[in-house]
Amino acid sequence: MRKLLLESLFALPLTEAAPARDDVAAAELAALLGNRAQRRLGRSLSIREVDAGSCNGCELEIHALNNAYYDIERFGLRFVASPRHADVLLVTGPVTHNMRDALKLTYDATPGPKWVVACGDCARDGGCFAGSYAVAGGVSSVLPVDLHIPGCPPKPLQILRGLLALIDSVAERKTTR
């Protein structure tokens, strides 16, 4: 026992290196997204995140958007607790049979105009859960999806880029009508 204790005191930790910090890119991207949302929507962008049956990998990356490093609320982007206050439904994971009706009710409770973003590979087509007896399919099998953000899980900057693409596509649709 003593030998094991001594070895653990002098052994190096088994961890991965932290990702390279890109403070400037994250701040610029979040500021750009906040400004475009304000300019094109006339207000800040409100996001309701819905977990439709995921492994929580995507949720960890989405929650990172609110931490001190990204802090997207300072740019006018906010997560809301009620779908009645949301502009965007950010759905993660494959839609399980148990969550199908709840997801539809959440979509119906969201006022228009509303957009659905499928976040992660599982939200696209079920990912590694596809074919399971408990999975109804990707988000598009239940709701109309406006944007898909790929990745397993997508990094916070990819999520910000996806939301920026959504805002830009909304503005393009308005100008072409």
N, C-alpha and C. Protein backbone atom coordinates (compact mmCIF):
# COMPACT_ATOMS: atom_id res chain seq x y z
N MET A 1 0.82 -1.19 0.00
CA MET A 1 0.00 0.00 0.00
C MET A 1 0.86 1.25 0.00
N ARG A 2 1.92 1.23 0.79
CA ARG A 2 2.80 2.39 0.86
C ARG A 2 3.46 2.65 -0.49
N LYS A 3 3.84 1.60 -1.19
CA LYS A 3 4.47 1.74 -2.49
C LYS A 3 3.51 2.40 -3.48
N LEU A 4 2.25 1.98 -3.48
CA LEU A 4 1.25 2.56 -4.37
C LEU A 4 1.03 4.04 -4.06
N LEU A 5 0.99 4.38 -2.80
CA LEU A 5 0.81 5.77 -2.39
C LEU A 5 1.98 6.63 -2.85
N LEU A 6 3.20 6.16 -2.67
CA LEU A 6 4.38 6.92 -3.10
C LEU A 6 4.41 7.08 -4.62
N GLU A 7 4.05 6.04 -5.35
CA GLU A 7 4.03 6.14 -6.81
C GLU A 7 3.00 7.17 -7.26
N SER A 8 1.85 7.21 -6.62
CA SER A 8 0.82 8.16 -7.03
C SER A 8 1.20 9.60 -6.69
N LEU A 9 2.00 9.81 -5.69
CA LEU A 9 2.44 11.16 -5.34
C LEU A 9 3.41 11.73 -6.36
N PHE A 10 4.22 10.89 -6.97
CA PHE A 10 5.25 11.37 -7.88
C PHE A 10 4.91 11.16 -9.36
N ALA A 11 3.79 10.53 -9.66
CA ALA A 11 3.40 10.30 -11.05
C ALA A 11 2.81 11.58 -11.64
N LEU A 12 3.06 11.81 -12.92
CA LEU A 12 2.47 12.96 -13.61
C LEU A 12 1.00 12.69 -13.89
N PRO A 13 0.18 13.72 -13.91
CA PRO A 13 -1.25 13.51 -14.18
C PRO A 13 -1.47 13.05 -15.62
N LEU A 14 -2.49 12.25 -15.81
CA LEU A 14 -2.85 11.74 -17.12
C LEU A 14 -4.00 12.58 -17.69
N THR A 15 -3.65 13.74 -18.22
CA THR A 15 -4.67 14.62 -18.79
C THR A 15 -4.24 15.08 -20.18
N GLU A 16 -5.19 15.57 -20.91
CA GLU A 16 -4.91 16.13 -22.22
C GLU A 16 -4.51 17.59 -22.06
N ALA A 17 -3.78 18.08 -23.03
CA ALA A 17 -3.42 19.50 -23.02
C ALA A 17 -4.68 20.32 -23.30
N ALA A 18 -4.73 21.50 -22.70
CA ALA A 18 -5.87 22.38 -22.92
C ALA A 18 -5.86 22.87 -24.36
N PRO A 19 -7.04 23.12 -24.93
CA PRO A 19 -7.07 23.63 -26.31
C PRO A 19 -6.44 25.01 -26.38
N ALA A 20 -5.93 25.35 -27.55
CA ALA A 20 -5.32 26.66 -27.75
C ALA A 20 -6.37 27.74 -27.58
N ARG A 21 -6.03 28.76 -26.84
CA ARG A 21 -6.98 29.85 -26.60
C ARG A 21 -6.98 30.79 -27.79
N ASP A 22 -8.15 31.20 -28.18
CA ASP A 22 -8.31 32.14 -29.26
C ASP A 22 -9.30 33.19 -28.79
N ASP A 23 -8.90 33.98 -27.80
CA ASP A 23 -9.78 34.96 -27.18
C ASP A 23 -10.34 35.95 -28.19
N VAL A 24 -9.50 36.41 -29.09
CA VAL A 24 -9.90 37.44 -30.04
C VAL A 24 -10.98 36.89 -30.99
N ALA A 25 -10.78 35.71 -31.52
CA ALA A 25 -11.75 35.13 -32.45
C ALA A 25 -13.09 34.89 -31.77
N ALA A 26 -13.07 34.37 -30.56
CA ALA A 26 -14.33 34.11 -29.84
C ALA A 26 -15.07 35.41 -29.56
N ALA A 27 -14.36 36.43 -29.11
CA ALA A 27 -15.00 37.71 -28.81
C ALA A 27 -15.54 38.38 -30.07
N GLU A 28 -14.76 38.34 -31.16
CA GLU A 28 -15.21 38.94 -32.42
C GLU A 28 -16.44 38.24 -32.96
N LEU A 29 -16.44 36.91 -32.91
CA LEU A 29 -17.56 36.14 -33.43
C LEU A 29 -18.82 36.39 -32.63
N ALA A 30 -18.71 36.39 -31.30
CA ALA A 30 -19.88 36.63 -30.45
C ALA A 30 -20.39 38.06 -30.62
N ALA A 31 -19.49 39.03 -30.74
CA ALA A 31 -19.90 40.42 -30.95
C ALA A 31 -20.60 40.58 -32.29
N LEU A 32 -20.06 39.96 -33.33
CA LEU A 32 -20.66 40.01 -34.65
C LEU A 32 -22.06 39.41 -34.64
N LEU A 33 -22.21 38.28 -33.98
CA LEU A 33 -23.51 37.63 -33.88
C LEU A 33 -24.50 38.50 -33.12
N GLY A 34 -24.07 39.09 -32.02
CA GLY A 34 -24.94 39.98 -31.24
C GLY A 34 -25.37 41.20 -32.03
N ASN A 35 -24.42 41.81 -32.77
CA ASN A 35 -24.74 42.99 -33.56
C ASN A 35 -25.70 42.67 -34.70
N ARG A 36 -25.46 41.55 -35.38
CA ARG A 36 -26.36 41.18 -36.49
C ARG A 36 -27.75 40.82 -35.99
N ALA A 37 -27.82 40.16 -34.85
CA ALA A 37 -29.14 39.84 -34.28
C ALA A 37 -29.88 41.12 -33.94
N GLN A 38 -29.18 42.06 -33.35
CA GLN A 38 -29.79 43.33 -32.97
C GLN A 38 -30.24 44.10 -34.21
N ARG A 39 -29.40 44.12 -35.24
CA ARG A 39 -29.70 44.87 -36.45
C ARG A 39 -30.82 44.21 -37.26
N ARG A 40 -30.77 42.89 -37.39
CA ARG A 40 -31.72 42.20 -38.27
C ARG A 40 -33.01 41.80 -37.59
N LEU A 41 -32.94 41.54 -36.29
CA LEU A 41 -34.16 41.17 -35.57
C LEU A 41 -34.73 42.34 -34.78
N GLY A 42 -33.89 43.34 -34.52
CA GLY A 42 -34.32 44.48 -33.73
C GLY A 42 -34.26 44.23 -32.23
N ARG A 43 -33.71 43.11 -31.84
CA ARG A 43 -33.58 42.75 -30.43
C ARG A 43 -32.53 41.67 -30.29
N SER A 44 -32.29 41.28 -29.06
CA SER A 44 -31.32 40.22 -28.83
C SER A 44 -31.93 38.87 -29.20
N LEU A 45 -31.06 37.89 -29.41
CA LEU A 45 -31.49 36.56 -29.79
C LEU A 45 -31.70 35.72 -28.53
N SER A 46 -32.89 35.16 -28.38
CA SER A 46 -33.21 34.32 -27.23
C SER A 46 -33.24 32.86 -27.67
N ILE A 47 -32.52 32.02 -26.93
CA ILE A 47 -32.33 30.63 -27.31
C ILE A 47 -32.89 29.73 -26.22
N ARG A 48 -33.69 28.76 -26.63
CA ARG A 48 -34.17 27.71 -25.72
C ARG A 48 -33.50 26.42 -26.13
N GLU A 49 -32.69 25.86 -25.25
CA GLU A 49 -31.99 24.61 -25.54
C GLU A 49 -32.86 23.45 -25.08
N VAL A 50 -33.02 22.45 -25.96
CA VAL A 50 -33.84 21.28 -25.65
C VAL A 50 -33.00 20.03 -25.87
N ASP A 51 -32.89 19.21 -24.84
CA ASP A 51 -32.20 17.93 -24.95
C ASP A 51 -33.26 16.89 -25.26
N ALA A 52 -33.19 16.33 -26.48
CA ALA A 52 -34.21 15.37 -26.92
C ALA A 52 -33.81 13.93 -26.65
N GLY A 53 -32.71 13.71 -25.94
CA GLY A 53 -32.29 12.35 -25.61
C GLY A 53 -30.82 12.10 -25.87
N SER A 54 -29.99 13.09 -25.65
CA SER A 54 -28.58 12.99 -26.01
C SER A 54 -27.73 12.40 -24.88
N CYS A 55 -26.44 12.28 -25.17
CA CYS A 55 -25.47 11.79 -24.18
C CYS A 55 -24.91 12.93 -23.33
N ASN A 56 -25.34 14.15 -23.57
CA ASN A 56 -24.95 15.38 -22.87
C ASN A 56 -23.62 15.96 -23.33
N GLY A 57 -22.99 15.41 -24.35
CA GLY A 57 -21.76 16.00 -24.87
C GLY A 57 -22.02 17.37 -25.47
N CYS A 58 -23.09 17.48 -26.25
CA CYS A 58 -23.42 18.76 -26.87
C CYS A 58 -23.83 19.80 -25.81
N GLU A 59 -24.53 19.35 -24.78
CA GLU A 59 -24.94 20.28 -23.72
C GLU A 59 -23.74 20.89 -23.02
N LEU A 60 -22.71 20.10 -22.80
CA LEU A 60 -21.51 20.64 -22.15
C LEU A 60 -20.90 21.77 -22.98
N GLU A 61 -20.89 21.60 -24.30
CA GLU A 61 -20.34 22.64 -25.18
C GLU A 61 -21.27 23.85 -25.24
N ILE A 62 -22.57 23.61 -25.21
CA ILE A 62 -23.52 24.73 -25.21
C ILE A 62 -23.43 25.51 -23.91
N HIS A 63 -23.31 24.80 -22.79
CA HIS A 63 -23.18 25.49 -21.50
C HIS A 63 -21.88 26.26 -21.41
N ALA A 64 -20.87 25.84 -22.16
CA ALA A 64 -19.61 26.59 -22.17
C ALA A 64 -19.81 27.99 -22.74
N LEU A 65 -20.82 28.18 -23.57
CA LEU A 65 -21.08 29.51 -24.12
C LEU A 65 -21.44 30.52 -23.03
N ASN A 66 -21.93 30.05 -21.90
CA ASN A 66 -22.28 30.95 -20.80
C ASN A 66 -21.18 31.11 -19.77
N ASN A 67 -20.07 30.36 -19.92
CA ASN A 67 -19.03 30.49 -18.90
C ASN A 67 -18.25 31.79 -19.08
N ALA A 68 -17.32 32.04 -18.21
CA ALA A 68 -16.60 33.31 -18.22
C ALA A 68 -15.73 33.49 -19.46
N TYR A 69 -15.34 32.43 -20.11
CA TYR A 69 -14.48 32.53 -21.29
C TYR A 69 -15.26 33.09 -22.49
N TYR A 70 -16.44 32.52 -22.78
CA TYR A 70 -17.23 32.97 -23.93
C TYR A 70 -18.21 34.08 -23.53
N ASP A 71 -18.94 33.89 -22.44
CA ASP A 71 -19.86 34.87 -21.88
C ASP A 71 -20.70 35.56 -22.96
N ILE A 72 -21.50 34.78 -23.67
CA ILE A 72 -22.23 35.35 -24.81
C ILE A 72 -23.35 36.31 -24.40
N GLU A 73 -23.73 36.31 -23.13
CA GLU A 73 -24.78 37.24 -22.71
C GLU A 73 -24.33 38.69 -22.81
N ARG A 74 -23.04 38.93 -22.72
CA ARG A 74 -22.55 40.32 -22.84
C ARG A 74 -22.77 40.86 -24.25
N PHE A 75 -23.02 39.97 -25.22
CA PHE A 75 -23.26 40.39 -26.60
C PHE A 75 -24.74 40.36 -26.96
N GLY A 76 -25.60 40.15 -25.99
CA GLY A 76 -27.03 40.18 -26.25
C GLY A 76 -27.64 38.85 -26.62
N LEU A 77 -26.89 37.76 -26.50
CA LEU A 77 -27.43 36.43 -26.78
C LEU A 77 -27.73 35.79 -25.44
N ARG A 78 -28.92 35.24 -25.30
CA ARG A 78 -29.25 34.69 -24.00
C ARG A 78 -30.04 33.41 -24.13
N PHE A 79 -29.85 32.55 -23.14
CA PHE A 79 -30.62 31.32 -23.04
C PHE A 79 -31.81 31.61 -22.13
N VAL A 80 -32.97 31.15 -22.55
CA VAL A 80 -34.19 31.40 -21.77
C VAL A 80 -34.75 30.07 -21.27
N ALA A 81 -35.50 30.15 -20.18
CA ALA A 81 -36.04 28.95 -19.56
C ALA A 81 -37.36 28.51 -20.16
N SER A 82 -38.04 29.41 -20.84
CA SER A 82 -39.35 29.09 -21.38
C SER A 82 -39.34 29.21 -22.90
N PRO A 83 -39.97 28.28 -23.59
CA PRO A 83 -40.05 28.41 -25.05
C PRO A 83 -40.91 29.62 -25.47
N ARG A 84 -41.73 30.11 -24.58
CA ARG A 84 -42.56 31.26 -24.90
C ARG A 84 -41.74 32.54 -25.07
N HIS A 85 -40.51 32.54 -24.62
CA HIS A 85 -39.62 33.70 -24.74
C HIS A 85 -38.53 33.48 -25.77
N ALA A 86 -38.56 32.39 -26.51
CA ALA A 86 -37.45 32.01 -27.38
C ALA A 86 -37.70 32.38 -28.84
N ASP A 87 -36.59 32.65 -29.53
CA ASP A 87 -36.59 32.82 -30.98
C ASP A 87 -36.08 31.54 -31.65
N VAL A 88 -35.14 30.88 -30.97
CA VAL A 88 -34.47 29.71 -31.53
C VAL A 88 -34.63 28.53 -30.58
N LEU A 89 -34.99 27.38 -31.14
CA LEU A 89 -34.94 26.13 -30.39
C LEU A 89 -33.66 25.43 -30.80
N LEU A 90 -32.75 25.27 -29.89
CA LEU A 90 -31.47 24.61 -30.13
C LEU A 90 -31.61 23.19 -29.58
N VAL A 91 -31.81 22.23 -30.48
CA VAL A 91 -32.14 20.85 -30.08
C VAL A 91 -30.91 19.97 -30.22
N THR A 92 -30.63 19.20 -29.18
CA THR A 92 -29.50 18.27 -29.18
C THR A 92 -30.00 16.84 -29.03
N GLY A 93 -29.20 15.93 -29.55
CA GLY A 93 -29.47 14.51 -29.39
C GLY A 93 -30.50 13.98 -30.36
N PRO A 94 -30.55 12.66 -30.46
CA PRO A 94 -31.61 12.06 -31.27
C PRO A 94 -32.93 12.22 -30.54
N VAL A 95 -34.00 12.29 -31.27
CA VAL A 95 -35.31 12.42 -30.64
C VAL A 95 -35.77 11.03 -30.21
N THR A 96 -35.89 10.83 -28.91
CA THR A 96 -36.37 9.55 -28.42
C THR A 96 -37.90 9.54 -28.50
N HIS A 97 -38.46 8.34 -28.47
CA HIS A 97 -39.92 8.23 -28.53
C HIS A 97 -40.57 8.95 -27.35
N ASN A 98 -39.91 8.92 -26.20
CA ASN A 98 -40.46 9.58 -25.01
C ASN A 98 -40.40 11.09 -25.10
N MET A 99 -39.50 11.64 -25.92
CA MET A 99 -39.36 13.10 -26.02
C MET A 99 -40.07 13.69 -27.24
N ARG A 100 -40.56 12.85 -28.14
CA ARG A 100 -41.16 13.35 -29.38
C ARG A 100 -42.31 14.32 -29.11
N ASP A 101 -43.26 13.93 -28.28
CA ASP A 101 -44.41 14.79 -28.00
C ASP A 101 -44.00 16.05 -27.25
N ALA A 102 -43.07 15.92 -26.31
CA ALA A 102 -42.60 17.08 -25.55
C ALA A 102 -41.90 18.08 -26.47
N LEU A 103 -41.16 17.58 -27.44
CA LEU A 103 -40.48 18.46 -28.39
C LEU A 103 -41.49 19.19 -29.27
N LYS A 104 -42.53 18.49 -29.70
CA LYS A 104 -43.58 19.12 -30.50
C LYS A 104 -44.31 20.20 -29.69
N LEU A 105 -44.59 19.91 -28.43
CA LEU A 105 -45.26 20.89 -27.57
C LEU A 105 -44.39 22.12 -27.35
N THR A 106 -43.09 21.90 -27.20
CA THR A 106 -42.16 23.02 -27.03
C THR A 106 -42.15 23.87 -28.29
N TYR A 107 -42.11 23.24 -29.45
CA TYR A 107 -42.13 23.96 -30.72
C TYR A 107 -43.43 24.76 -30.86
N ASP A 108 -44.55 24.16 -30.51
CA ASP A 108 -45.84 24.84 -30.61
C ASP A 108 -45.94 26.02 -29.64
N ALA A 109 -45.26 25.92 -28.50
CA ALA A 109 -45.30 26.99 -27.50
C ALA A 109 -44.39 28.16 -27.86
N THR A 110 -43.49 27.96 -28.81
CA THR A 110 -42.57 29.02 -29.21
C THR A 110 -43.27 29.95 -30.18
N PRO A 111 -43.28 31.26 -29.90
CA PRO A 111 -43.95 32.19 -30.81
C PRO A 111 -43.17 32.38 -32.10
N GLY A 112 -43.86 32.71 -33.16
CA GLY A 112 -43.21 32.96 -34.44
C GLY A 112 -42.72 34.39 -34.52
N PRO A 113 -41.78 34.68 -35.35
CA PRO A 113 -41.03 33.71 -36.15
C PRO A 113 -40.09 32.92 -35.26
N LYS A 114 -39.96 31.66 -35.58
CA LYS A 114 -39.11 30.78 -34.78
C LYS A 114 -38.26 29.94 -35.70
N TRP A 115 -37.10 29.55 -35.16
CA TRP A 115 -36.17 28.75 -35.93
C TRP A 115 -35.72 27.56 -35.11
N VAL A 116 -35.49 26.45 -35.79
CA VAL A 116 -35.03 25.23 -35.13
C VAL A 116 -33.62 24.94 -35.62
N VAL A 117 -32.71 24.75 -34.67
CA VAL A 117 -31.33 24.41 -34.98
C VAL A 117 -31.05 23.04 -34.38
N ALA A 118 -30.65 22.10 -35.23
CA ALA A 118 -30.25 20.77 -34.78
C ALA A 118 -28.75 20.82 -34.51
N CYS A 119 -28.38 20.63 -33.26
CA CYS A 119 -26.99 20.78 -32.84
C CYS A 119 -26.36 19.41 -32.59
N GLY A 120 -25.36 19.07 -33.40
CA GLY A 120 -24.66 17.81 -33.24
C GLY A 120 -25.09 16.76 -34.24
N ASP A 121 -24.26 15.75 -34.39
CA ASP A 121 -24.53 14.68 -35.36
C ASP A 121 -25.75 13.85 -34.98
N CYS A 122 -25.98 13.65 -33.71
CA CYS A 122 -27.14 12.86 -33.27
C CYS A 122 -28.44 13.57 -33.62
N ALA A 123 -28.46 14.89 -33.55
CA ALA A 123 -29.66 15.65 -33.88
C ALA A 123 -29.96 15.59 -35.37
N ARG A 124 -28.93 15.36 -36.18
CA ARG A 124 -29.14 15.27 -37.63
C ARG A 124 -29.84 13.98 -38.01
N ASP A 125 -29.28 12.84 -37.58
CA ASP A 125 -29.82 11.57 -38.06
C ASP A 125 -29.85 10.47 -36.99
N GLY A 126 -29.64 10.83 -35.75
CA GLY A 126 -29.62 9.83 -34.68
C GLY A 126 -28.22 9.46 -34.26
N GLY A 127 -27.22 9.76 -35.09
CA GLY A 127 -25.82 9.50 -34.76
C GLY A 127 -25.58 8.06 -34.36
N CYS A 128 -24.83 7.87 -33.30
CA CYS A 128 -24.51 6.51 -32.84
C CYS A 128 -25.73 5.81 -32.24
N PHE A 129 -26.81 6.55 -32.00
CA PHE A 129 -28.02 5.96 -31.43
C PHE A 129 -29.03 5.55 -32.51
N ALA A 130 -28.73 5.84 -33.78
CA ALA A 130 -29.65 5.53 -34.87
C ALA A 130 -29.94 4.03 -34.90
N GLY A 131 -31.18 3.70 -35.12
CA GLY A 131 -31.58 2.30 -35.18
C GLY A 131 -31.97 1.71 -33.85
N SER A 132 -31.80 2.47 -32.78
CA SER A 132 -32.18 1.98 -31.46
C SER A 132 -33.71 1.90 -31.35
N TYR A 133 -34.19 0.97 -30.58
CA TYR A 133 -35.63 0.84 -30.37
C TYR A 133 -36.23 2.07 -29.71
N ALA A 134 -35.41 2.86 -29.01
CA ALA A 134 -35.91 4.01 -28.26
C ALA A 134 -35.86 5.31 -29.06
N VAL A 135 -35.24 5.30 -30.24
CA VAL A 135 -35.00 6.53 -30.99
C VAL A 135 -35.97 6.66 -32.15
N ALA A 136 -36.63 7.83 -32.22
CA ALA A 136 -37.56 8.11 -33.31
C ALA A 136 -36.81 8.62 -34.54
N GLY A 137 -35.61 9.14 -34.38
CA GLY A 137 -34.81 9.67 -35.49
C GLY A 137 -34.19 11.00 -35.13
N GLY A 138 -33.74 11.70 -36.16
CA GLY A 138 -33.17 13.03 -35.96
C GLY A 138 -34.27 14.05 -35.73
N VAL A 139 -33.89 15.27 -35.46
CA VAL A 139 -34.85 16.33 -35.17
C VAL A 139 -35.75 16.58 -36.37
N SER A 140 -35.21 16.46 -37.58
CA SER A 140 -36.00 16.73 -38.78
C SER A 140 -37.13 15.73 -38.99
N SER A 141 -37.09 14.61 -38.29
CA SER A 141 -38.21 13.65 -38.39
C SER A 141 -39.41 14.10 -37.57
N VAL A 142 -39.21 15.11 -36.72
CA VAL A 142 -40.28 15.59 -35.86
C VAL A 142 -40.63 17.06 -36.15
N LEU A 143 -39.60 17.89 -36.39
CA LEU A 143 -39.80 19.33 -36.59
C LEU A 143 -39.10 19.78 -37.87
N PRO A 144 -39.54 20.91 -38.44
CA PRO A 144 -38.81 21.47 -39.57
C PRO A 144 -37.51 22.13 -39.06
N VAL A 145 -36.38 21.70 -39.57
CA VAL A 145 -35.08 22.20 -39.11
C VAL A 145 -34.58 23.27 -40.07
N ASP A 146 -34.18 24.41 -39.51
CA ASP A 146 -33.67 25.51 -40.31
C ASP A 146 -32.16 25.45 -40.50
N LEU A 147 -31.46 24.84 -39.54
CA LEU A 147 -30.00 24.79 -39.61
C LEU A 147 -29.50 23.58 -38.84
N HIS A 148 -28.46 22.97 -39.37
CA HIS A 148 -27.80 21.87 -38.67
C HIS A 148 -26.37 22.27 -38.39
N ILE A 149 -25.93 22.11 -37.15
CA ILE A 149 -24.56 22.37 -36.77
C ILE A 149 -23.89 21.02 -36.55
N PRO A 150 -22.96 20.63 -37.44
CA PRO A 150 -22.34 19.30 -37.33
C PRO A 150 -21.32 19.23 -36.20
N GLY A 151 -20.99 18.02 -35.82
CA GLY A 151 -19.96 17.80 -34.81
C GLY A 151 -20.44 16.83 -33.76
N CYS A 152 -19.47 16.19 -33.12
CA CYS A 152 -19.80 15.22 -32.07
C CYS A 152 -18.81 15.39 -30.92
N PRO A 153 -19.04 16.33 -30.06
CA PRO A 153 -19.99 17.43 -30.10
C PRO A 153 -19.39 18.63 -30.84
N PRO A 154 -20.22 19.55 -31.32
CA PRO A 154 -19.67 20.76 -31.94
C PRO A 154 -19.04 21.65 -30.88
N LYS A 155 -17.95 22.28 -31.24
CA LYS A 155 -17.26 23.19 -30.31
C LYS A 155 -18.06 24.49 -30.18
N PRO A 156 -17.89 25.21 -29.08
CA PRO A 156 -18.64 26.45 -28.89
C PRO A 156 -18.50 27.44 -30.05
N LEU A 157 -17.31 27.56 -30.62
CA LEU A 157 -17.15 28.47 -31.75
C LEU A 157 -17.95 28.00 -32.96
N GLN A 158 -18.08 26.69 -33.16
CA GLN A 158 -18.90 26.17 -34.26
C GLN A 158 -20.37 26.51 -34.01
N ILE A 159 -20.80 26.45 -32.78
CA ILE A 159 -22.18 26.79 -32.45
C ILE A 159 -22.43 28.27 -32.73
N LEU A 160 -21.48 29.13 -32.34
CA LEU A 160 -21.62 30.56 -32.62
C LEU A 160 -21.65 30.82 -34.12
N ARG A 161 -20.78 30.14 -34.87
CA ARG A 161 -20.78 30.31 -36.33
C ARG A 161 -22.11 29.85 -36.93
N GLY A 162 -22.66 28.77 -36.40
CA GLY A 162 -23.94 28.28 -36.88
C GLY A 162 -25.06 29.27 -36.62
N LEU A 163 -25.08 29.85 -35.42
CA LEU A 163 -26.12 30.84 -35.10
C LEU A 163 -25.96 32.08 -35.97
N LEU A 164 -24.72 32.46 -36.27
CA LEU A 164 -24.47 33.59 -37.17
C LEU A 164 -25.00 33.27 -38.57
N ALA A 165 -24.76 32.05 -39.04
CA ALA A 165 -25.28 31.63 -40.35
C ALA A 165 -26.81 31.65 -40.36
N LEU A 166 -27.42 31.27 -39.26
CA LEU A 166 -28.88 31.31 -39.16
C LEU A 166 -29.39 32.73 -39.29
N ILE A 167 -28.80 33.66 -38.56
CA ILE A 167 -29.22 35.07 -38.62
C ILE A 167 -29.04 35.61 -40.03
N ASP A 168 -27.91 35.27 -40.68
CA ASP A 168 -27.67 35.73 -42.05
C ASP A 168 -28.68 35.14 -43.02
N SER A 169 -29.02 33.87 -42.85
CA SER A 169 -29.99 33.26 -43.77
C SER A 169 -31.39 33.84 -43.56
N VAL A 170 -31.72 34.20 -42.35
CA VAL A 170 -33.01 34.84 -42.07
C VAL A 170 -33.06 36.19 -42.76
N ALA A 171 -31.97 36.94 -42.70
CA ALA A 171 -31.93 38.25 -43.34
C ALA A 171 -32.01 38.11 -44.86
N GLU A 172 -31.35 37.10 -45.43
CA GLU A 172 -31.40 36.88 -46.87
C GLU A 172 -32.81 36.52 -47.32
N ARG A 173 -33.51 35.71 -46.54
CA ARG A 173 -34.89 35.34 -46.90
C ARG A 173 -35.80 36.55 -46.89
N LYS A 174 -35.57 37.47 -45.95
CA LYS A 174 -36.40 38.68 -45.88
C LYS A 174 -36.17 39.57 -47.09
N THR A 175 -34.91 39.66 -47.56
CA THR A 175 -34.61 40.55 -48.68
C THR A 175 -35.04 39.96 -50.01
N THR A 176 -35.15 38.64 -50.13
CA THR A 176 -35.55 38.02 -51.38
C THR A 176 -37.06 37.94 -51.54
N ARG A 177 -37.81 38.21 -50.50
CA ARG A 177 -39.28 38.15 -50.58
C ARG A 177 -39.86 39.39 -51.18
